[in-house]
N, C-alpha and C. Protein backbone atom coordinates (compact mmCIF):
# COMPACT_ATOMS: atom_id res chain seq x y z
N UNK A 1 83.34 114.51 117.70
CA UNK A 1 83.36 113.41 116.87
C UNK A 1 81.97 113.33 116.20
N UNK A 2 82.01 112.89 115.00
CA UNK A 2 80.76 112.57 114.25
C UNK A 2 80.60 111.09 114.20
N UNK A 3 79.53 110.58 114.79
CA UNK A 3 79.26 109.16 114.80
C UNK A 3 78.09 108.96 113.73
N UNK A 4 78.30 108.20 112.69
CA UNK A 4 77.30 107.84 111.71
C UNK A 4 76.86 106.26 112.05
N UNK A 5 75.61 106.20 112.50
CA UNK A 5 75.02 104.93 112.78
C UNK A 5 74.24 104.49 111.69
N UNK A 6 74.53 103.37 111.07
CA UNK A 6 73.86 102.76 109.86
C UNK A 6 73.34 101.42 110.01
N UNK A 7 72.02 101.16 109.63
CA UNK A 7 71.51 99.89 109.66
C UNK A 7 71.86 99.29 108.21
N UNK A 8 72.10 98.02 108.25
CA UNK A 8 72.33 97.30 107.05
C UNK A 8 71.18 97.53 106.01
N UNK A 9 71.42 97.15 104.77
CA UNK A 9 70.44 97.17 103.75
C UNK A 9 69.48 96.03 103.91
N UNK A 10 68.39 96.23 103.11
CA UNK A 10 67.41 95.14 103.19
C UNK A 10 68.03 93.89 102.99
N UNK A 11 67.51 92.77 103.68
CA UNK A 11 68.21 91.54 103.58
C UNK A 11 67.07 90.40 103.35
N UNK A 12 67.34 89.40 102.58
CA UNK A 12 66.31 88.33 102.41
C UNK A 12 66.31 87.37 103.66
N UNK A 13 65.39 86.49 103.62
CA UNK A 13 65.21 85.54 104.78
C UNK A 13 65.69 84.24 104.36
N UNK A 14 65.99 83.80 103.16
CA UNK A 14 66.35 82.45 102.74
C UNK A 14 67.84 82.35 103.11
N UNK A 15 68.12 81.77 104.32
CA UNK A 15 69.41 81.56 104.86
C UNK A 15 69.28 80.55 105.94
N UNK A 16 70.43 79.85 106.18
CA UNK A 16 70.40 78.71 107.31
C UNK A 16 70.34 79.48 108.66
N UNK A 17 70.83 80.60 108.83
CA UNK A 17 70.81 81.39 110.09
C UNK A 17 70.67 82.86 109.91
N UNK A 18 70.31 83.61 110.93
CA UNK A 18 70.12 85.15 110.77
C UNK A 18 71.54 85.66 110.40
N UNK A 19 72.60 85.15 110.83
CA UNK A 19 73.93 85.65 110.55
C UNK A 19 74.25 85.56 109.06
N UNK A 20 73.71 84.59 108.31
CA UNK A 20 74.05 84.43 107.02
C UNK A 20 72.96 85.15 105.85
N UNK A 21 72.09 85.87 106.45
CA UNK A 21 71.20 86.55 105.52
C UNK A 21 71.89 87.47 104.57
N UNK A 22 71.56 87.49 103.34
CA UNK A 22 72.35 88.38 102.36
C UNK A 22 71.43 89.55 101.95
N UNK A 23 72.15 90.58 101.50
CA UNK A 23 71.33 91.77 101.01
C UNK A 23 70.52 91.40 99.77
N UNK A 24 69.45 92.05 99.54
CA UNK A 24 68.56 91.90 98.36
C UNK A 24 69.10 92.99 97.35
N UNK A 25 68.60 92.90 96.18
CA UNK A 25 68.96 93.96 95.17
C UNK A 25 68.38 95.21 95.64
N UNK A 26 67.28 95.40 96.38
CA UNK A 26 66.70 96.46 96.77
C UNK A 26 67.62 97.08 97.95
N UNK A 27 68.17 96.14 98.73
CA UNK A 27 69.07 96.47 99.89
C UNK A 27 70.32 97.18 99.25
N UNK A 28 70.87 96.53 98.19
CA UNK A 28 72.14 97.01 97.62
C UNK A 28 71.75 98.45 96.95
N UNK A 29 70.69 98.51 96.27
CA UNK A 29 70.25 99.74 95.75
C UNK A 29 70.09 101.02 96.71
N UNK A 30 69.37 100.58 97.67
CA UNK A 30 69.12 101.67 98.94
C UNK A 30 70.35 102.08 99.49
N UNK A 31 71.22 101.00 99.66
CA UNK A 31 72.52 101.43 100.25
C UNK A 31 73.23 102.32 99.33
N UNK A 32 73.29 102.01 98.16
CA UNK A 32 73.89 103.03 97.13
C UNK A 32 73.43 104.34 97.15
N UNK A 33 72.02 104.43 97.30
CA UNK A 33 71.43 105.83 97.46
C UNK A 33 71.93 106.50 98.67
N UNK A 34 71.88 105.79 99.74
CA UNK A 34 72.50 106.49 100.97
C UNK A 34 73.95 106.85 100.88
N UNK A 35 74.65 106.10 100.33
CA UNK A 35 76.23 106.29 100.04
C UNK A 35 76.33 107.56 99.27
N UNK A 36 75.58 107.55 98.10
CA UNK A 36 75.74 108.78 97.14
C UNK A 36 75.40 109.94 97.95
N UNK A 37 74.37 109.95 98.77
CA UNK A 37 73.89 111.12 99.54
C UNK A 37 74.99 111.46 100.61
N UNK A 38 75.48 110.44 101.32
CA UNK A 38 76.40 110.63 102.36
C UNK A 38 77.83 111.33 101.93
N UNK A 39 78.17 110.81 100.73
CA UNK A 39 79.46 111.39 100.27
C UNK A 39 79.43 112.92 99.99
N UNK A 40 78.27 113.47 99.94
CA UNK A 40 78.10 114.96 99.76
C UNK A 40 78.34 115.61 101.18
N UNK A 41 78.24 114.89 102.25
CA UNK A 41 78.27 115.40 103.57
C UNK A 41 79.72 115.12 104.18
N UNK A 42 80.23 114.06 103.79
CA UNK A 42 81.58 113.69 104.52
C UNK A 42 82.59 113.11 103.28
N UNK A 43 83.76 113.31 103.44
CA UNK A 43 84.77 112.81 102.43
C UNK A 43 85.32 111.52 102.81
N UNK A 44 85.42 111.15 104.07
CA UNK A 44 86.12 109.97 104.52
C UNK A 44 85.81 109.52 105.96
N UNK A 45 85.92 108.28 106.32
CA UNK A 45 85.75 107.92 107.69
C UNK A 45 87.07 107.50 108.30
N UNK A 46 87.34 107.89 109.53
CA UNK A 46 88.59 107.61 110.14
C UNK A 46 88.46 106.09 110.70
N UNK A 47 87.30 105.80 111.12
CA UNK A 47 87.05 104.48 111.59
C UNK A 47 85.82 103.84 111.27
N UNK A 48 85.73 102.72 110.86
CA UNK A 48 84.46 101.90 110.47
C UNK A 48 84.40 100.65 111.33
N UNK A 49 83.30 100.59 111.95
CA UNK A 49 82.92 99.31 112.73
C UNK A 49 81.80 98.59 112.08
N UNK A 50 81.97 97.34 111.88
CA UNK A 50 81.06 96.52 111.17
C UNK A 50 80.70 95.29 111.91
N UNK A 51 79.44 94.93 111.94
CA UNK A 51 78.83 93.65 112.42
C UNK A 51 79.48 92.54 111.62
N UNK A 52 79.68 91.38 112.29
CA UNK A 52 80.18 90.20 111.29
C UNK A 52 79.22 89.50 110.58
N UNK A 53 77.77 90.02 110.81
CA UNK A 53 76.72 89.38 110.01
C UNK A 53 77.01 89.63 108.57
N UNK A 54 76.61 88.75 107.68
CA UNK A 54 76.85 88.94 106.32
C UNK A 54 76.18 90.09 105.60
N UNK A 55 74.86 90.50 106.10
CA UNK A 55 74.23 91.59 105.50
C UNK A 55 74.84 92.92 105.87
N UNK A 56 75.46 93.03 107.03
CA UNK A 56 76.20 94.19 107.39
C UNK A 56 77.55 94.29 106.57
N UNK A 57 78.21 93.24 106.45
CA UNK A 57 79.55 93.03 105.72
C UNK A 57 79.14 93.59 104.26
N UNK A 58 78.06 93.06 103.68
CA UNK A 58 77.81 93.62 102.36
C UNK A 58 77.33 94.89 102.18
N UNK A 59 76.86 95.49 103.28
CA UNK A 59 76.40 96.80 103.22
C UNK A 59 77.78 97.72 103.20
N UNK A 60 78.63 97.20 104.00
CA UNK A 60 79.97 97.91 104.05
C UNK A 60 80.63 97.85 102.62
N UNK A 61 80.58 96.74 102.11
CA UNK A 61 81.18 96.70 100.69
C UNK A 61 80.61 97.58 99.75
N UNK A 62 79.17 97.82 99.74
CA UNK A 62 78.53 98.87 98.98
C UNK A 62 79.00 100.21 99.31
N UNK A 63 79.03 100.56 100.60
CA UNK A 63 79.38 101.85 101.06
C UNK A 63 80.77 102.18 100.71
N UNK A 64 81.66 101.17 100.81
CA UNK A 64 83.04 101.45 100.64
C UNK A 64 83.43 101.82 99.18
N UNK A 65 82.52 101.56 98.31
CA UNK A 65 82.81 101.82 96.83
C UNK A 65 82.78 103.44 96.71
N UNK A 66 82.20 104.07 97.73
CA UNK A 66 82.01 105.50 97.57
C UNK A 66 82.94 106.34 98.36
N UNK A 67 83.87 105.71 99.15
CA UNK A 67 84.68 106.42 100.00
C UNK A 67 86.14 105.83 99.93
N UNK A 68 87.03 106.60 100.35
CA UNK A 68 88.48 106.10 100.39
C UNK A 68 88.49 105.12 101.54
N UNK A 69 89.54 104.30 101.49
CA UNK A 69 89.87 103.30 102.58
C UNK A 69 89.89 104.17 103.91
N UNK A 70 89.01 103.71 104.85
CA UNK A 70 89.19 104.30 106.22
C UNK A 70 90.58 104.03 106.88
N UNK A 71 90.93 104.83 107.73
CA UNK A 71 92.27 104.70 108.48
C UNK A 71 92.27 103.28 109.22
N UNK A 72 91.16 102.92 109.68
CA UNK A 72 90.96 101.67 110.38
C UNK A 72 89.50 101.12 110.18
N UNK A 73 89.36 99.93 110.05
CA UNK A 73 88.15 99.35 110.09
C UNK A 73 88.05 97.98 110.87
N UNK A 74 87.09 97.77 111.59
CA UNK A 74 87.08 96.65 112.52
C UNK A 74 85.71 95.90 112.43
N UNK A 75 85.77 94.60 112.56
CA UNK A 75 84.65 93.70 112.73
C UNK A 75 84.42 93.33 114.06
N UNK A 76 83.24 93.72 114.77
CA UNK A 76 83.03 93.45 116.09
C UNK A 76 81.72 92.60 116.39
N UNK A 77 81.95 91.56 117.13
CA UNK A 77 80.74 90.81 117.56
C UNK A 77 79.90 91.57 118.44
N UNK A 78 80.35 92.73 119.12
CA UNK A 78 79.61 93.46 119.92
C UNK A 78 78.56 94.46 119.36
N UNK A 79 78.48 94.35 117.87
CA UNK A 79 77.48 95.21 117.34
C UNK A 79 76.56 94.33 116.48
N UNK A 80 76.30 93.19 117.02
CA UNK A 80 75.39 92.25 116.35
C UNK A 80 73.91 92.63 116.99
N UNK A 81 72.74 92.08 116.36
CA UNK A 81 71.38 92.44 116.73
C UNK A 81 71.10 92.45 118.28
N UNK A 82 71.55 91.35 118.87
CA UNK A 82 71.16 91.27 120.42
C UNK A 82 72.19 91.73 121.30
N UNK A 83 73.21 92.46 120.74
CA UNK A 83 74.28 92.76 121.60
C UNK A 83 73.88 93.78 122.70
N UNK A 84 74.74 93.95 123.69
CA UNK A 84 74.40 94.96 124.77
C UNK A 84 74.81 96.45 124.17
N UNK A 85 73.78 97.25 124.17
CA UNK A 85 74.03 98.71 123.66
C UNK A 85 75.18 99.46 124.49
N UNK A 86 75.10 99.29 125.87
CA UNK A 86 76.22 100.04 126.53
C UNK A 86 77.54 99.53 126.16
N UNK A 87 77.69 98.27 126.03
CA UNK A 87 79.05 97.71 125.77
C UNK A 87 79.38 98.09 124.28
N UNK A 88 78.45 98.17 123.54
CA UNK A 88 78.77 98.57 122.06
C UNK A 88 79.16 99.88 121.96
N UNK A 89 78.36 100.81 122.62
CA UNK A 89 78.90 102.22 122.66
C UNK A 89 80.21 102.33 123.34
N UNK A 90 80.47 101.79 124.52
CA UNK A 90 81.76 101.98 125.17
C UNK A 90 82.86 101.43 124.16
N UNK A 91 82.78 100.26 123.44
CA UNK A 91 83.71 99.84 122.53
C UNK A 91 83.97 100.89 121.49
N UNK A 92 82.90 101.20 120.70
CA UNK A 92 83.11 102.21 119.65
C UNK A 92 83.78 103.42 120.04
N UNK A 93 83.47 104.04 121.23
CA UNK A 93 84.06 105.30 121.77
C UNK A 93 85.56 104.98 122.06
N UNK A 94 85.78 103.78 122.65
CA UNK A 94 87.23 103.45 123.03
C UNK A 94 88.04 103.31 121.70
N UNK A 95 87.49 102.67 120.85
CA UNK A 95 88.27 102.56 119.49
C UNK A 95 88.42 103.87 118.86
N UNK A 96 87.43 104.68 118.96
CA UNK A 96 87.54 106.01 118.22
C UNK A 96 88.54 106.84 119.01
N UNK A 97 88.69 106.74 120.21
CA UNK A 97 89.72 107.43 121.06
C UNK A 97 91.07 106.94 120.72
N UNK A 98 91.22 105.46 120.71
CA UNK A 98 92.50 104.91 120.37
C UNK A 98 93.06 105.39 119.09
N UNK A 99 92.14 105.48 118.07
CA UNK A 99 92.52 105.70 116.60
C UNK A 99 92.41 107.21 116.33
N UNK A 100 92.09 108.10 117.30
CA UNK A 100 91.90 109.44 117.11
C UNK A 100 90.89 109.78 116.04
N UNK A 101 89.88 109.16 116.08
CA UNK A 101 88.84 109.15 114.93
C UNK A 101 87.91 110.30 115.14
N UNK A 102 87.80 111.16 114.30
CA UNK A 102 86.79 112.27 114.21
C UNK A 102 85.62 111.94 113.61
N UNK A 103 85.53 110.92 112.59
CA UNK A 103 84.41 110.51 111.84
C UNK A 103 84.38 109.01 112.01
N UNK A 104 83.24 108.44 112.44
CA UNK A 104 83.09 107.06 112.71
C UNK A 104 81.87 106.58 112.10
N UNK A 105 81.93 105.49 111.31
CA UNK A 105 80.77 104.83 110.74
C UNK A 105 80.69 103.46 111.37
N UNK A 106 79.39 103.21 112.02
CA UNK A 106 79.00 101.86 112.59
C UNK A 106 77.87 101.30 111.66
N UNK A 107 78.10 100.07 111.21
CA UNK A 107 77.14 99.41 110.35
C UNK A 107 76.69 98.22 111.23
N UNK A 108 75.37 98.20 111.57
CA UNK A 108 74.92 97.20 112.50
C UNK A 108 73.50 97.08 112.27
N UNK A 109 72.76 96.70 113.27
CA UNK A 109 71.29 96.23 113.07
C UNK A 109 70.36 96.86 114.25
N UNK A 110 69.08 96.62 114.04
CA UNK A 110 67.98 96.86 114.86
C UNK A 110 67.89 95.56 115.83
N UNK A 111 67.54 95.71 117.05
CA UNK A 111 67.26 96.93 117.82
C UNK A 111 68.38 97.68 118.34
N UNK A 112 69.52 97.10 118.18
CA UNK A 112 70.91 97.55 118.86
C UNK A 112 71.09 99.05 118.35
N UNK A 113 70.92 99.54 117.17
CA UNK A 113 71.24 100.88 116.96
C UNK A 113 70.34 101.83 117.62
N UNK A 114 69.02 101.62 117.81
CA UNK A 114 68.25 102.32 118.46
C UNK A 114 68.60 102.54 119.93
N UNK A 115 68.98 101.49 120.47
CA UNK A 115 69.29 101.55 121.90
C UNK A 115 70.80 102.23 121.96
N UNK A 116 71.66 102.08 121.00
CA UNK A 116 72.93 102.97 121.04
C UNK A 116 72.58 104.40 120.98
N UNK A 117 71.58 104.74 120.16
CA UNK A 117 71.16 106.22 120.26
C UNK A 117 70.80 106.61 121.62
N UNK A 118 70.08 105.85 122.29
CA UNK A 118 69.68 106.26 123.59
C UNK A 118 70.80 106.25 124.65
N UNK A 119 71.89 105.45 124.43
CA UNK A 119 72.92 105.45 125.33
C UNK A 119 73.79 106.79 124.94
N UNK A 120 73.89 107.18 123.62
CA UNK A 120 74.62 108.37 123.32
C UNK A 120 74.00 109.67 123.52
N UNK A 121 72.70 109.80 123.41
CA UNK A 121 71.96 110.96 123.56
C UNK A 121 70.99 110.88 124.78
N UNK A 122 71.27 111.72 125.68
CA UNK A 122 70.50 111.70 126.99
C UNK A 122 69.10 111.99 126.76
N UNK A 123 68.10 111.21 127.29
CA UNK A 123 66.69 111.57 127.17
C UNK A 123 66.16 111.12 125.87
N UNK A 124 66.65 110.48 125.01
CA UNK A 124 66.06 110.09 123.81
C UNK A 124 65.48 108.79 123.69
N UNK A 125 64.35 108.49 123.39
CA UNK A 125 63.84 107.13 123.23
C UNK A 125 64.49 106.49 121.96
N UNK A 126 64.70 105.23 122.06
CA UNK A 126 65.26 104.50 120.88
C UNK A 126 64.49 104.69 119.61
N UNK A 127 65.14 105.33 118.66
CA UNK A 127 64.47 105.55 117.37
C UNK A 127 64.49 104.29 116.47
N UNK A 128 63.58 104.19 115.52
CA UNK A 128 63.70 103.13 114.61
C UNK A 128 64.63 103.41 113.46
N UNK A 129 65.23 102.58 112.79
CA UNK A 129 66.07 102.70 111.76
C UNK A 129 65.53 101.90 110.57
N UNK A 130 65.29 102.62 109.48
CA UNK A 130 64.87 101.81 108.19
C UNK A 130 65.92 101.17 107.71
N UNK A 131 65.74 100.12 106.84
CA UNK A 131 67.00 99.56 106.29
C UNK A 131 67.81 100.50 105.47
N UNK A 132 69.19 100.57 105.58
CA UNK A 132 70.14 101.40 104.97
C UNK A 132 69.96 102.90 105.61
N UNK A 133 68.99 102.97 106.71
CA UNK A 133 68.98 104.27 107.28
C UNK A 133 70.25 104.71 108.13
N UNK A 134 70.39 105.99 108.13
CA UNK A 134 71.55 106.56 108.92
C UNK A 134 71.17 107.67 109.97
N UNK A 135 71.87 107.51 111.06
CA UNK A 135 71.59 108.69 112.01
C UNK A 135 72.99 109.28 112.41
N UNK A 136 73.07 110.56 112.28
CA UNK A 136 74.29 111.32 112.65
C UNK A 136 74.23 111.85 114.04
N UNK A 137 75.24 111.41 114.81
CA UNK A 137 75.27 111.98 116.36
C UNK A 137 76.59 112.80 116.43
N UNK A 138 76.44 113.96 116.90
CA UNK A 138 77.61 114.70 117.16
C UNK A 138 77.95 114.44 118.62
N UNK A 139 78.99 113.90 118.86
CA UNK A 139 79.39 113.61 120.25
C UNK A 139 80.52 114.49 120.79
N UNK A 140 80.36 115.33 121.67
CA UNK A 140 81.39 116.05 122.28
C UNK A 140 81.54 115.83 123.70
N UNK A 141 82.44 115.21 124.14
CA UNK A 141 82.68 114.83 125.60
C UNK A 141 81.56 113.89 125.93
N UNK A 142 80.84 114.06 127.00
CA UNK A 142 79.80 113.27 127.40
C UNK A 142 78.43 113.51 126.83
N UNK A 143 78.48 114.72 126.00
CA UNK A 143 77.05 115.04 125.40
C UNK A 143 77.12 114.62 123.97
N UNK A 144 75.92 114.06 123.65
CA UNK A 144 75.62 113.58 122.35
C UNK A 144 74.42 114.20 121.84
N UNK A 145 74.35 114.64 120.49
CA UNK A 145 73.09 115.21 120.01
C UNK A 145 72.90 114.73 118.64
N UNK A 146 71.53 114.41 118.45
CA UNK A 146 71.31 113.99 117.02
C UNK A 146 71.27 115.03 116.06
N UNK A 147 72.03 115.06 115.01
CA UNK A 147 72.13 116.07 114.01
C UNK A 147 71.08 115.82 112.92
N UNK A 148 70.81 114.64 112.48
CA UNK A 148 69.96 114.20 111.53
C UNK A 148 69.77 112.75 111.54
N UNK A 149 68.62 112.32 110.86
CA UNK A 149 68.20 110.95 110.72
C UNK A 149 67.67 110.76 109.35
N UNK A 150 68.24 109.99 108.40
CA UNK A 150 67.60 109.96 107.15
C UNK A 150 67.52 108.40 106.71
N UNK A 151 66.66 108.27 105.71
CA UNK A 151 66.48 106.88 105.02
C UNK A 151 66.62 107.11 103.52
N UNK A 152 66.70 106.01 102.81
CA UNK A 152 66.68 106.17 101.33
C UNK A 152 65.39 106.77 100.91
N UNK A 153 64.24 106.77 101.48
CA UNK A 153 63.07 107.38 101.08
C UNK A 153 63.16 108.92 101.26
N UNK A 154 63.92 109.39 102.20
CA UNK A 154 63.95 110.82 102.52
C UNK A 154 64.96 111.59 101.72
N UNK A 155 66.00 110.83 101.21
CA UNK A 155 67.14 111.41 100.40
C UNK A 155 67.00 111.00 98.94
N UNK A 156 66.34 109.93 98.57
CA UNK A 156 66.31 109.45 97.16
C UNK A 156 65.36 109.97 96.21
């Protein structure tokens, strides 16, 4: 299975709560750069899991312009910034199994994404994710391996 872990695009701070922060124009632009780059590597996602926070939802809206409708997409409270990484990983993997997903996109937040990488890849310290950054993990059985990690600055 290919797990694409993506951080939401750059978001502004002028909001009533963290949950309501919106993407900036730079965030939309950088997400577009990553989507254009990513579509060269993958044609579609079987499963998409997105945080309910507005900036993650808006990131998915930008990404979805570049890909066909996934077989299934879910909004999960378990992929918010302070969520438990073990629970997040277990849920994503369970849904991937349920929907027989070979390619899974998760759009979430820091620090959760870094900790999810550590849960999925033995012995790896939690990496940082730039806004709109993506890490691809190849997950075969209980083994996970980082294939690449890219940002809008490395692909644009």
